[in-house]
Amino acid sequence: MVNTYNNGTLPFLPDDAVIETQAAVGPEGAAPLPVAPVDPLYAGLVANVTAYEDLAWRRRCAAAGTGSSRHCSRTR
């Protein structure tokens, strides 16, 4: 189990969302393994939690008052 970028593993989440999943780990880093489709009820729950986490992250960045998205960017 690793925490890694979604990169299409869960199609209902953004690619830059961090997910915990099984992965193959090699010289290039962690590559998420394919997963079975998630039941729509659970997909909605996961998507809502992810949206809340993103909102909290954005609020934290705004509160930090850095004035720069570079300091609060979640991109690689």
PDB file of N, CA and C in Angstrom:
ATOM      1  N   MET A   1       0.841  -1.169   0.000  1.00  0.00           N
ATOM      2  CA  MET A   1       0.000   0.000   0.000  1.00  0.00           C
ATOM      3  C   MET A   1       0.891   1.239   0.000  1.00  0.00           C
ATOM      4  N   VAL A   2       0.547   2.162  -0.883  1.00  0.00           N
ATOM      5  CA  VAL A   2       1.277   3.429  -0.967  1.00  0.00           C
ATOM      6  C   VAL A   2       0.286   4.568  -1.142  1.00  0.00           C
ATOM      7  N   ASN A   3       0.733   5.752  -0.828  1.00  0.00           N
ATOM      8  CA  ASN A   3      -0.001   6.966  -1.172  1.00  0.00           C
ATOM      9  C   ASN A   3       0.656   7.508  -2.431  1.00  0.00           C
ATOM     10  N   THR A   4      -0.157   7.687  -3.472  1.00  0.00           N
ATOM     11  CA  THR A   4       0.373   8.147  -4.747  1.00  0.00           C
ATOM     12  C   THR A   4      -0.701   8.949  -5.470  1.00  0.00           C
ATOM     13  N   TYR A   5      -0.298   9.635  -6.524  1.00  0.00           N
ATOM     14  CA  TYR A   5      -1.270  10.373  -7.319  1.00  0.00           C
ATOM     15  C   TYR A   5      -2.214   9.400  -8.028  1.00  0.00           C
ATOM     16  N   ASN A   6      -3.458   9.798  -8.140  1.00  0.00           N
ATOM     17  CA  ASN A   6      -4.492   8.968  -8.750  1.00  0.00           C
ATOM     18  C   ASN A   6      -4.152   8.600 -10.195  1.00  0.00           C
ATOM     19  N   ASN A   7      -3.846   9.577 -11.002  1.00  0.00           N
ATOM     20  CA  ASN A   7      -3.488   9.353 -12.416  1.00  0.00           C
ATOM     21  C   ASN A   7      -4.429   8.392 -13.128  1.00  0.00           C
ATOM     22  N   GLY A   8      -5.745   8.571 -12.916  1.00  0.00           N
ATOM     23  CA  GLY A   8      -6.736   7.788 -13.631  1.00  0.00           C
ATOM     24  C   GLY A   8      -7.105   6.462 -12.990  1.00  0.00           C
ATOM     25  N   THR A   9      -6.495   6.108 -11.870  1.00  0.00           N
ATOM     26  CA  THR A   9      -6.816   4.841 -11.211  1.00  0.00           C
ATOM     27  C   THR A   9      -8.285   4.803 -10.816  1.00  0.00           C
ATOM     28  N   LEU A  10      -8.763   5.878 -10.218  1.00  0.00           N
ATOM     29  CA  LEU A  10     -10.180   6.015  -9.871  1.00  0.00           C
ATOM     30  C   LEU A  10     -10.739   7.108 -10.774  1.00  0.00           C
ATOM     31  N   PRO A  11     -11.497   6.735 -11.798  1.00  0.00           N
ATOM     32  CA  PRO A  11     -11.904   7.699 -12.827  1.00  0.00           C
ATOM     33  C   PRO A  11     -12.782   8.842 -12.322  1.00  0.00           C
ATOM     34  N   PHE A  12     -13.357   8.715 -11.137  1.00  0.00           N
ATOM     35  CA  PHE A  12     -14.223   9.763 -10.608  1.00  0.00           C
ATOM     36  C   PHE A  12     -13.453  10.791  -9.773  1.00  0.00           C
ATOM     37  N   LEU A  13     -12.123  10.637  -9.671  1.00  0.00           N
ATOM     38  CA  LEU A  13     -11.288  11.593  -8.941  1.00  0.00           C
ATOM     39  C   LEU A  13     -10.320  12.276  -9.893  1.00  0.00           C
ATOM     40  N   PRO A  14      -9.904  13.501  -9.551  1.00  0.00           N
ATOM     41  CA  PRO A  14      -8.902  14.174 -10.379  1.00  0.00           C
ATOM     42  C   PRO A  14      -7.579  13.397 -10.380  1.00  0.00           C
ATOM     43  N   ASP A  15      -6.824  13.541 -11.443  1.00  0.00           N
ATOM     44  CA  ASP A  15      -5.541  12.845 -11.536  1.00  0.00           C
ATOM     45  C   ASP A  15      -4.573  13.241 -10.429  1.00  0.00           C
ATOM     46  N   ASP A  16      -4.662  14.496  -9.934  1.00  0.00           N
ATOM     47  CA  ASP A  16      -3.722  14.944  -8.904  1.00  0.00           C
ATOM     48  C   ASP A  16      -4.185  14.636  -7.478  1.00  0.00           C
ATOM     49  N   ALA A  17      -5.324  13.950  -7.337  1.00  0.00           N
ATOM     50  CA  ALA A  17      -5.764  13.530  -6.004  1.00  0.00           C
ATOM     51  C   ALA A  17      -4.811  12.442  -5.507  1.00  0.00           C
ATOM     52  N   VAL A  18      -4.500  12.481  -4.225  1.00  0.00           N
ATOM     53  CA  VAL A  18      -3.639  11.450  -3.643  1.00  0.00           C
ATOM     54  C   VAL A  18      -4.526  10.341  -3.112  1.00  0.00           C
ATOM     55  N   ILE A  19      -4.215   9.111  -3.520  1.00  0.00           N
ATOM     56  CA  ILE A  19      -4.993   7.951  -3.093  1.00  0.00           C
ATOM     57  C   ILE A  19      -4.071   6.948  -2.406  1.00  0.00           C
ATOM     58  N   GLU A  20      -4.662   6.111  -1.570  1.00  0.00           N
ATOM     59  CA  GLU A  20      -3.924   5.017  -0.957  1.00  0.00           C
ATOM     60  C   GLU A  20      -4.357   3.749  -1.682  1.00  0.00           C
ATOM     61  N   THR A  21      -3.407   3.073  -2.290  1.00  0.00           N
ATOM     62  CA  THR A  21      -3.733   1.911  -3.109  1.00  0.00           C
ATOM     63  C   THR A  21      -2.540   0.977  -3.202  1.00  0.00           C
ATOM     64  N   GLN A  22      -2.792  -0.204  -3.719  1.00  0.00           N
ATOM     65  CA  GLN A  22      -1.697  -1.120  -4.011  1.00  0.00           C
ATOM     66  C   GLN A  22      -0.970  -0.609  -5.241  1.00  0.00           C
ATOM     67  N   ALA A  23       0.338  -0.789  -5.253  1.00  0.00           N
ATOM     68  CA  ALA A  23       1.124  -0.283  -6.373  1.00  0.00           C
ATOM     69  C   ALA A  23       2.340  -1.156  -6.605  1.00  0.00           C
ATOM     70  N   ALA A  24       2.819  -1.094  -7.830  1.00  0.00           N
ATOM     71  CA  ALA A  24       4.107  -1.691  -8.155  1.00  0.00           C
ATOM     72  C   ALA A  24       5.132  -0.574  -7.984  1.00  0.00           C
ATOM     73  N   VAL A  25       6.178  -0.848  -7.246  1.00  0.00           N
ATOM     74  CA  VAL A  25       7.185   0.180  -6.980  1.00  0.00           C
ATOM     75  C   VAL A  25       8.468  -0.220  -7.698  1.00  0.00           C
ATOM     76  N   GLY A  26       8.959   0.703  -8.514  1.00  0.00           N
ATOM     77  CA  GLY A  26      10.178   0.449  -9.274  1.00  0.00           C
ATOM     78  C   GLY A  26      11.041   1.690  -9.316  1.00  0.00           C
ATOM     79  N   PRO A  27      12.027   1.700 -10.179  1.00  0.00           N
ATOM     80  CA  PRO A  27      12.942   2.835 -10.276  1.00  0.00           C
ATOM     81  C   PRO A  27      12.246   4.171 -10.597  1.00  0.00           C
ATOM     82  N   GLU A  28      11.116   4.095 -11.272  1.00  0.00           N
ATOM     83  CA  GLU A  28      10.381   5.310 -11.635  1.00  0.00           C
ATOM     84  C   GLU A  28       9.394   5.747 -10.549  1.00  0.00           C
ATOM     85  N   GLY A  29       9.317   5.003  -9.451  1.00  0.00           N
ATOM     86  CA  GLY A  29       8.390   5.338  -8.374  1.00  0.00           C
ATOM     87  C   GLY A  29       7.233   4.359  -8.324  1.00  0.00           C
ATOM     88  N   ALA A  30       6.169   4.791  -7.661  1.00  0.00           N
ATOM     89  CA  ALA A  30       4.992   3.935  -7.478  1.00  0.00           C
ATOM     90  C   ALA A  30       4.051   4.069  -8.670  1.00  0.00           C
ATOM     91  N   ALA A  31       3.603   2.931  -9.165  1.00  0.00           N
ATOM     92  CA  ALA A  31       2.618   2.899 -10.253  1.00  0.00           C
ATOM     93  C   ALA A  31       1.396   2.144  -9.731  1.00  0.00           C
ATOM     94  N   PRO A  32       0.265   2.850  -9.550  1.00  0.00           N
ATOM     95  CA  PRO A  32      -0.924   2.177  -9.013  1.00  0.00           C
ATOM     96  C   PRO A  32      -1.326   0.976  -9.864  1.00  0.00           C
ATOM     97  N   LEU A  33      -1.710  -0.091  -9.186  1.00  0.00           N
ATOM     98  CA  LEU A  33      -2.216  -1.274  -9.877  1.00  0.00           C
ATOM     99  C   LEU A  33      -3.695  -1.062 -10.192  1.00  0.00           C
ATOM    100  N   PRO A  34      -4.198  -1.698 -11.243  1.00  0.00           N
ATOM    101  CA  PRO A  34      -5.625  -1.565 -11.567  1.00  0.00           C
ATOM    102  C   PRO A  34      -6.491  -2.003 -10.387  1.00  0.00           C
ATOM    103  N   VAL A  35      -7.622  -1.338 -10.231  1.00  0.00           N
ATOM    104  CA  VAL A  35      -8.564  -1.682  -9.168  1.00  0.00           C
ATOM    105  C   VAL A  35      -9.919  -1.998  -9.780  1.00  0.00           C
ATOM    106  N   ALA A  36     -10.692  -2.776  -9.054  1.00  0.00           N
ATOM    107  CA  ALA A  36     -12.050  -3.088  -9.500  1.00  0.00           C
ATOM    108  C   ALA A  36     -12.900  -1.825  -9.437  1.00  0.00           C
ATOM    109  N   PRO A  37     -13.921  -1.710 -10.275  1.00  0.00           N
ATOM    110  CA  PRO A  37     -14.800  -0.541 -10.214  1.00  0.00           C
ATOM    111  C   PRO A  37     -15.380  -0.372  -8.805  1.00  0.00           C
ATOM    112  N   VAL A  38     -15.485   0.880  -8.389  1.00  0.00           N
ATOM    113  CA  VAL A  38     -16.017   1.196  -7.064  1.00  0.00           C
ATOM    114  C   VAL A  38     -17.531   1.378  -7.174  1.00  0.00           C
ATOM    115  N   ASP A  39     -18.265   0.763  -6.267  1.00  0.00           N
ATOM    116  CA  ASP A  39     -19.713   0.909  -6.223  1.00  0.00           C
ATOM    117  C   ASP A  39     -20.069   2.398  -6.205  1.00  0.00           C
ATOM    118  N   PRO A  40     -21.061   2.826  -6.977  1.00  0.00           N
ATOM    119  CA  PRO A  40     -21.409   4.258  -7.046  1.00  0.00           C
ATOM    120  C   PRO A  40     -21.641   4.914  -5.685  1.00  0.00           C
ATOM    121  N   LEU A  41     -22.226   4.197  -4.743  1.00  0.00           N
ATOM    122  CA  LEU A  41     -22.446   4.758  -3.414  1.00  0.00           C
ATOM    123  C   LEU A  41     -21.124   5.130  -2.756  1.00  0.00           C
ATOM    124  N   TYR A  42     -20.135   4.232  -2.844  1.00  0.00           N
ATOM    125  CA  TYR A  42     -18.830   4.488  -2.246  1.00  0.00           C
ATOM    126  C   TYR A  42     -18.032   5.493  -3.069  1.00  0.00           C
ATOM    127  N   ALA A  43     -18.195   5.461  -4.386  1.00  0.00           N
ATOM    128  CA  ALA A  43     -17.507   6.437  -5.230  1.00  0.00           C
ATOM    129  C   ALA A  43     -17.947   7.849  -4.865  1.00  0.00           C
ATOM    130  N   GLY A  44     -19.245   8.028  -4.612  1.00  0.00           N
ATOM    131  CA  GLY A  44     -19.745   9.339  -4.201  1.00  0.00           C
ATOM    132  C   GLY A  44     -19.166   9.767  -2.874  1.00  0.00           C
ATOM    133  N   LEU A  45     -19.068   8.842  -1.933  1.00  0.00           N
ATOM    134  CA  LEU A  45     -18.499   9.150  -0.626  1.00  0.00           C
ATOM    135  C   LEU A  45     -17.026   9.542  -0.760  1.00  0.00           C
ATOM    136  N   VAL A  46     -16.263   8.755  -1.505  1.00  0.00           N
ATOM    137  CA  VAL A  46     -14.841   9.042  -1.699  1.00  0.00           C
ATOM    138  C   VAL A  46     -14.664  10.392  -2.404  1.00  0.00           C
ATOM    139  N   ALA A  47     -15.482  10.653  -3.414  1.00  0.00           N
ATOM    140  CA  ALA A  47     -15.387  11.924  -4.144  1.00  0.00           C
ATOM    141  C   ALA A  47     -15.706  13.104  -3.233  1.00  0.00           C
ATOM    142  N   ASN A  48     -16.696  12.963  -2.351  1.00  0.00           N
ATOM    143  CA  ASN A  48     -17.032  14.047  -1.429  1.00  0.00           C
ATOM    144  C   ASN A  48     -15.929  14.293  -0.420  1.00  0.00           C
ATOM    145  N   VAL A  49     -15.331  13.245   0.106  1.00  0.00           N
ATOM    146  CA  VAL A  49     -14.230  13.415   1.058  1.00  0.00           C
ATOM    147  C   VAL A  49     -13.040  14.077   0.368  1.00  0.00           C
ATOM    148  N   THR A  50     -12.757  13.647  -0.857  1.00  0.00           N
ATOM    149  CA  THR A  50     -11.655  14.245  -1.607  1.00  0.00           C
ATOM    150  C   THR A  50     -11.920  15.724  -1.869  1.00  0.00           C
ATOM    151  N   ALA A  51     -13.150  16.070  -2.216  1.00  0.00           N
ATOM    152  CA  ALA A  51     -13.502  17.476  -2.438  1.00  0.00           C
ATOM    153  C   ALA A  51     -13.338  18.286  -1.162  1.00  0.00           C
ATOM    154  N   TYR A  52     -13.732  17.720  -0.022  1.00  0.00           N
ATOM    155  CA  TYR A  52     -13.562  18.409   1.264  1.00  0.00           C
ATOM    156  C   TYR A  52     -12.085  18.631   1.565  1.00  0.00           C
ATOM    157  N   GLU A  53     -11.260  17.612   1.335  1.00  0.00           N
ATOM    158  CA  GLU A  53      -9.826  17.749   1.575  1.00  0.00           C
ATOM    159  C   GLU A  53      -9.229  18.837   0.693  1.00  0.00           C
ATOM    160  N   ASP A  54      -9.670  18.898  -0.569  1.00  0.00           N
ATOM    161  CA  ASP A  54      -9.183  19.930  -1.480  1.00  0.00           C
ATOM    162  C   ASP A  54      -9.617  21.316  -1.001  1.00  0.00           C
ATOM    163  N   LEU A  55     -10.852  21.435  -0.557  1.00  0.00           N
ATOM    164  CA  LEU A  55     -11.342  22.710  -0.037  1.00  0.00           C
ATOM    165  C   LEU A  55     -10.540  23.137   1.193  1.00  0.00           C
ATOM    166  N   ALA A  56     -10.275  22.205   2.098  1.00  0.00           N
ATOM    167  CA  ALA A  56      -9.492  22.512   3.295  1.00  0.00           C
ATOM    168  C   ALA A  56      -8.082  22.943   2.915  1.00  0.00           C
ATOM    169  N   TRP A  57      -7.499  22.287   1.928  1.00  0.00           N
ATOM    170  CA  TRP A  57      -6.148  22.641   1.475  1.00  0.00           C
ATOM    171  C   TRP A  57      -6.139  24.059   0.908  1.00  0.00           C
ATOM    172  N   ARG A  58      -7.129  24.376   0.084  1.00  0.00           N
ATOM    173  CA  ARG A  58      -7.201  25.714  -0.507  1.00  0.00           C
ATOM    174  C   ARG A  58      -7.399  26.784   0.567  1.00  0.00           C
ATOM    175  N   ARG A  59      -8.217  26.467   1.569  1.00  0.00           N
ATOM    176  CA  ARG A  59      -8.453  27.402   2.666  1.00  0.00           C
ATOM    177  C   ARG A  59      -7.177  27.623   3.461  1.00  0.00           C
ATOM    178  N   ARG A  60      -6.439  26.551   3.682  1.00  0.00           N
ATOM    179  CA  ARG A  60      -5.171  26.667   4.399  1.00  0.00           C
ATOM    180  C   ARG A  60      -4.205  27.564   3.634  1.00  0.00           C
ATOM    181  N   CYS A  61      -4.160  27.397   2.336  1.00  0.00           N
ATOM    182  CA  CYS A  61      -3.278  28.219   1.509  1.00  0.00           C
ATOM    183  C   CYS A  61      -3.701  29.679   1.547  1.00  0.00           C
ATOM    184  N   ALA A  62      -5.008  29.921   1.500  1.00  0.00           N
ATOM    185  CA  ALA A  62      -5.505  31.298   1.561  1.00  0.00           C
ATOM    186  C   ALA A  62      -5.181  31.913   2.918  1.00  0.00           C
ATOM    187  N   ALA A  63      -5.319  31.133   3.984  1.00  0.00           N
ATOM    188  CA  ALA A  63      -5.047  31.631   5.328  1.00  0.00           C
ATOM    189  C   ALA A  63      -3.556  31.901   5.525  1.00  0.00           C
ATOM    190  N   ALA A  64      -2.720  31.156   4.823  1.00  0.00           N
ATOM    191  CA  ALA A  64      -1.277  31.358   4.946  1.00  0.00           C
ATOM    192  C   ALA A  64      -0.866  32.707   4.362  1.00  0.00           C
ATOM    193  N   GLY A  65      -1.696  33.212   3.450  1.00  0.00           N
ATOM    194  CA  GLY A  65      -1.427  34.526   2.870  1.00  0.00           C
ATOM    195  C   GLY A  65      -0.122  34.611   2.118  1.00  0.00           C
ATOM    196  N   THR A  66       0.279  33.510   1.502  1.00  0.00           N
ATOM    197  CA  THR A  66       1.557  33.514   0.788  1.00  0.00           C
ATOM    198  C   THR A  66       1.509  34.387  -0.453  1.00  0.00           C
ATOM    199  N   GLY A  67       0.316  34.546  -1.015  1.00  0.00           N
ATOM    200  CA  GLY A  67       0.202  35.328  -2.242  1.00  0.00           C
ATOM    201  C   GLY A  67       0.734  34.592  -3.455  1.00  0.00           C
ATOM    202  N   SER A  68       1.170  33.368  -3.256  1.00  0.00           N
ATOM    203  CA  SER A  68       1.726  32.603  -4.358  1.00  0.00           C
ATOM    204  C   SER A  68       1.155  31.192  -4.346  1.00  0.00           C
ATOM    205  N   SER A  69       0.619  30.785  -5.478  1.00  0.00           N
ATOM    206  CA  SER A  69       0.096  29.423  -5.557  1.00  0.00           C
ATOM    207  C   SER A  69       1.233  28.410  -5.543  1.00  0.00           C
ATOM    208  N   ARG A  70       2.442  28.859  -5.842  1.00  0.00           N
ATOM    209  CA  ARG A  70       3.598  27.960  -5.855  1.00  0.00           C
ATOM    210  C   ARG A  70       3.813  27.320  -4.486  1.00  0.00           C
ATOM    211  N   HIS A  71       3.571  28.066  -3.424  1.00  0.00           N
ATOM    212  CA  HIS A  71       3.791  27.556  -2.079  1.00  0.00           C
ATOM    213  C   HIS A  71       2.682  26.601  -1.633  1.00  0.00           C
ATOM    214  N   CYS A  72       1.558  26.622  -2.311  1.00  0.00           N
ATOM    215  CA  CYS A  72       0.458  25.764  -1.913  1.00  0.00           C
ATOM    216  C   CYS A  72       0.054  24.806  -3.013  1.00  0.00           C
ATOM    217  N   SER A  73       0.837  24.692  -4.030  1.00  0.00           N
ATOM    218  CA  SER A  73       0.505  23.815  -5.141  1.00  0.00           C
ATOM    219  C   SER A  73       0.614  22.353  -4.724  1.00  0.00           C
ATOM    220  N   ARG A  74      -0.350  21.536  -5.161  1.00  0.00           N
ATOM    221  CA  ARG A  74      -0.277  20.105  -4.899  1.00  0.00           C
ATOM    222  C   ARG A  74       0.216  19.366  -6.132  1.00  0.00           C
ATOM    223  N   THR A  75       0.681  20.099  -7.131  1.00  0.00           N
ATOM    224  CA  THR A  75       1.181  19.422  -8.333  1.00  0.00           C
ATOM    225  C   THR A  75       2.612  18.973  -8.098  1.00  0.00           C
ATOM    226  N   ARG A  76       3.005  18.055  -8.911  1.00  0.00           N
ATOM    227  CA  ARG A  76       4.355  17.498  -8.788  1.00  0.00           C
ATOM    228  C   ARG A  76       5.320  18.526  -9.168  1.00  0.00           C
TER     229      ARG A  76
END
